[in-house]
Amino acid sequence: MATVDELQKDHEARLDTFLAGMTGKGGESDWALARALVHRAVHLTAARKSAEFCAIATFLAEMVGHAHQLMHSGGDPAKAHHDVVH
């Protein structure tokens, strides 16, 4: 039986193919797509009760740190921070 990490890699590979035609239409479009994916993922997980709330919250928190690291790697670190206020 495949592990969650192995299943995730497989899903991500299929998503890469699916998303290839949906990205690159501008920053706002890519941001809207990212928001839609996260929103649908939360609904899918809640509807199917495939993870506990704490697991979802922990994973989302890890992804926030991951996004921050990705946006600050290489180049000018200040470029990652725009005028978006939480």
C-alpha atoms as a PDB file:
ATOM      1  CA  MET A   1       0.000   0.000   0.000  1.00  0.00           C
ATOM      2  CA  ALA A   2       1.300   3.444  -0.938  1.00  0.00           C
ATOM      3  CA  THR A   3       2.120   5.987   1.744  1.00  0.00           C
ATOM      4  CA  VAL A   4       0.498   9.424   1.913  1.00  0.00           C
ATOM      5  CA  ASP A   5       3.753  10.961   0.647  1.00  0.00           C
ATOM      6  CA  GLU A   6       3.833   8.588  -2.343  1.00  0.00           C
ATOM      7  CA  LEU A   7       0.175   9.267  -3.117  1.00  0.00           C
ATOM      8  CA  GLN A   8       0.781  13.011  -2.832  1.00  0.00           C
ATOM      9  CA  LYS A   9       3.658  12.831  -5.334  1.00  0.00           C
ATOM     10  CA  ASP A  10       1.441  10.932  -7.777  1.00  0.00           C
ATOM     11  CA  HIS A  11      -1.406  13.430  -7.381  1.00  0.00           C
ATOM     12  CA  GLU A  12       0.984  16.371  -7.789  1.00  0.00           C
ATOM     13  CA  ALA A  13       2.390  14.904 -11.025  1.00  0.00           C
ATOM     14  CA  ARG A  14      -1.126  14.567 -12.447  1.00  0.00           C
ATOM     15  CA  LEU A  15      -2.026  18.056 -11.253  1.00  0.00           C
ATOM     16  CA  ASP A  16       1.081  19.482 -12.980  1.00  0.00           C
ATOM     17  CA  THR A  17      -0.219  18.187 -16.309  1.00  0.00           C
ATOM     18  CA  PHE A  18      -3.760  19.408 -15.639  1.00  0.00           C
ATOM     19  CA  LEU A  19      -2.660  22.836 -14.399  1.00  0.00           C
ATOM     20  CA  ALA A  20      -0.179  23.495 -17.227  1.00  0.00           C
ATOM     21  CA  GLY A  21      -2.955  24.922 -19.392  1.00  0.00           C
ATOM     22  CA  MET A  22      -4.425  27.000 -16.592  1.00  0.00           C
ATOM     23  CA  THR A  23      -1.363  28.950 -15.432  1.00  0.00           C
ATOM     24  CA  GLY A  24       0.597  31.814 -16.911  1.00  0.00           C
ATOM     25  CA  LYS A  25      -2.376  34.076 -17.565  1.00  0.00           C
ATOM     26  CA  GLY A  26      -1.134  36.760 -15.219  1.00  0.00           C
ATOM     27  CA  GLY A  27      -0.462  37.180 -11.544  1.00  0.00           C
ATOM     28  CA  GLU A  28      -4.079  37.709 -10.524  1.00  0.00           C
ATOM     29  CA  SER A  29      -5.208  34.645 -12.441  1.00  0.00           C
ATOM     30  CA  ASP A  30      -2.469  32.455 -10.963  1.00  0.00           C
ATOM     31  CA  TRP A  31      -3.288  33.741  -7.456  1.00  0.00           C
ATOM     32  CA  ALA A  32      -7.002  33.062  -8.012  1.00  0.00           C
ATOM     33  CA  LEU A  33      -6.140  29.539  -9.182  1.00  0.00           C
ATOM     34  CA  ALA A  34      -3.998  28.906  -6.083  1.00  0.00           C
ATOM     35  CA  ARG A  35      -6.794  30.173  -3.837  1.00  0.00           C
ATOM     36  CA  ALA A  36      -9.346  27.995  -5.628  1.00  0.00           C
ATOM     37  CA  LEU A  37      -7.160  24.898  -5.278  1.00  0.00           C
ATOM     38  CA  VAL A  38      -6.634  25.428  -1.549  1.00  0.00           C
ATOM     39  CA  HIS A  39     -10.329  26.185  -1.003  1.00  0.00           C
ATOM     40  CA  ARG A  40     -11.473  23.099  -2.908  1.00  0.00           C
ATOM     41  CA  ALA A  41      -8.864  20.962  -1.117  1.00  0.00           C
ATOM     42  CA  VAL A  42     -10.215  22.034   2.262  1.00  0.00           C
ATOM     43  CA  HIS A  43     -13.787  21.265   1.163  1.00  0.00           C
ATOM     44  CA  LEU A  44     -12.760  17.883  -0.271  1.00  0.00           C
ATOM     45  CA  THR A  45     -10.988  16.920   2.948  1.00  0.00           C
ATOM     46  CA  ALA A  46     -13.855  18.077   5.166  1.00  0.00           C
ATOM     47  CA  ALA A  47     -16.588  16.474   3.043  1.00  0.00           C
ATOM     48  CA  ARG A  48     -14.800  13.132   2.899  1.00  0.00           C
ATOM     49  CA  LYS A  49     -13.513  13.395   6.469  1.00  0.00           C
ATOM     50  CA  SER A  50     -10.158  12.210   5.143  1.00  0.00           C
ATOM     51  CA  ALA A  51      -8.141  14.074   7.775  1.00  0.00           C
ATOM     52  CA  GLU A  52      -8.638  15.499  11.234  1.00  0.00           C
ATOM     53  CA  PHE A  53      -8.958  19.279  11.609  1.00  0.00           C
ATOM     54  CA  CYS A  54      -5.612  19.475  13.418  1.00  0.00           C
ATOM     55  CA  ALA A  55      -3.886  17.665  10.534  1.00  0.00           C
ATOM     56  CA  ILE A  56      -5.359  20.162   8.041  1.00  0.00           C
ATOM     57  CA  ALA A  57      -4.352  23.135  10.190  1.00  0.00           C
ATOM     58  CA  THR A  58      -0.833  21.786  10.711  1.00  0.00           C
ATOM     59  CA  PHE A  59      -0.343  21.099   6.998  1.00  0.00           C
ATOM     60  CA  LEU A  60      -1.598  24.556   6.005  1.00  0.00           C
ATOM     61  CA  ALA A  61       0.760  26.144   8.542  1.00  0.00           C
ATOM     62  CA  GLU A  62       3.656  24.144   7.087  1.00  0.00           C
ATOM     63  CA  MET A  63       2.688  25.339   3.601  1.00  0.00           C
ATOM     64  CA  VAL A  64       2.761  28.972   4.769  1.00  0.00           C
ATOM     65  CA  GLY A  65       6.363  28.504   5.886  1.00  0.00           C
ATOM     66  CA  HIS A  66       7.153  26.640   2.667  1.00  0.00           C
ATOM     67  CA  ALA A  67       5.698  29.452   0.525  1.00  0.00           C
ATOM     68  CA  HIS A  68       7.705  32.031   2.454  1.00  0.00           C
ATOM     69  CA  GLN A  69      10.911  30.072   1.895  1.00  0.00           C
ATOM     70  CA  LEU A  70      10.185  29.608  -1.831  1.00  0.00           C
ATOM     71  CA  MET A  71       9.452  33.300  -2.322  1.00  0.00           C
ATOM     72  CA  HIS A  72      12.656  34.352  -0.560  1.00  0.00           C
ATOM     73  CA  SER A  73      15.070  31.923  -2.171  1.00  0.00           C
ATOM     74  CA  GLY A  74      17.611  33.540  -4.472  1.00  0.00           C
ATOM     75  CA  GLY A  75      17.437  37.019  -5.911  1.00  0.00           C
ATOM     76  CA  ASP A  76      16.136  39.996  -3.993  1.00  0.00           C
ATOM     77  CA  PRO A  77      14.409  38.809  -0.807  1.00  0.00           C
ATOM     78  CA  ALA A  78      12.376  42.016  -0.590  1.00  0.00           C
ATOM     79  CA  LYS A  79      10.525  41.192  -3.814  1.00  0.00           C
ATOM     80  CA  ALA A  80       8.491  38.522  -2.028  1.00  0.00           C
ATOM     81  CA  HIS A  81       6.706  41.128   0.093  1.00  0.00           C
ATOM     82  CA  HIS A  82       4.183  43.198  -1.798  1.00  0.00           C
ATOM     83  CA  ASP A  83       1.596  45.601  -0.469  1.00  0.00           C
ATOM     84  CA  VAL A  84      -0.695  42.749   0.545  1.00  0.00           C
ATOM     85  CA  VAL A  85      -1.758  43.038   4.164  1.00  0.00           C
ATOM     86  CA  HIS A  86      -3.189  40.021   5.984  1.00  0.00           C
END
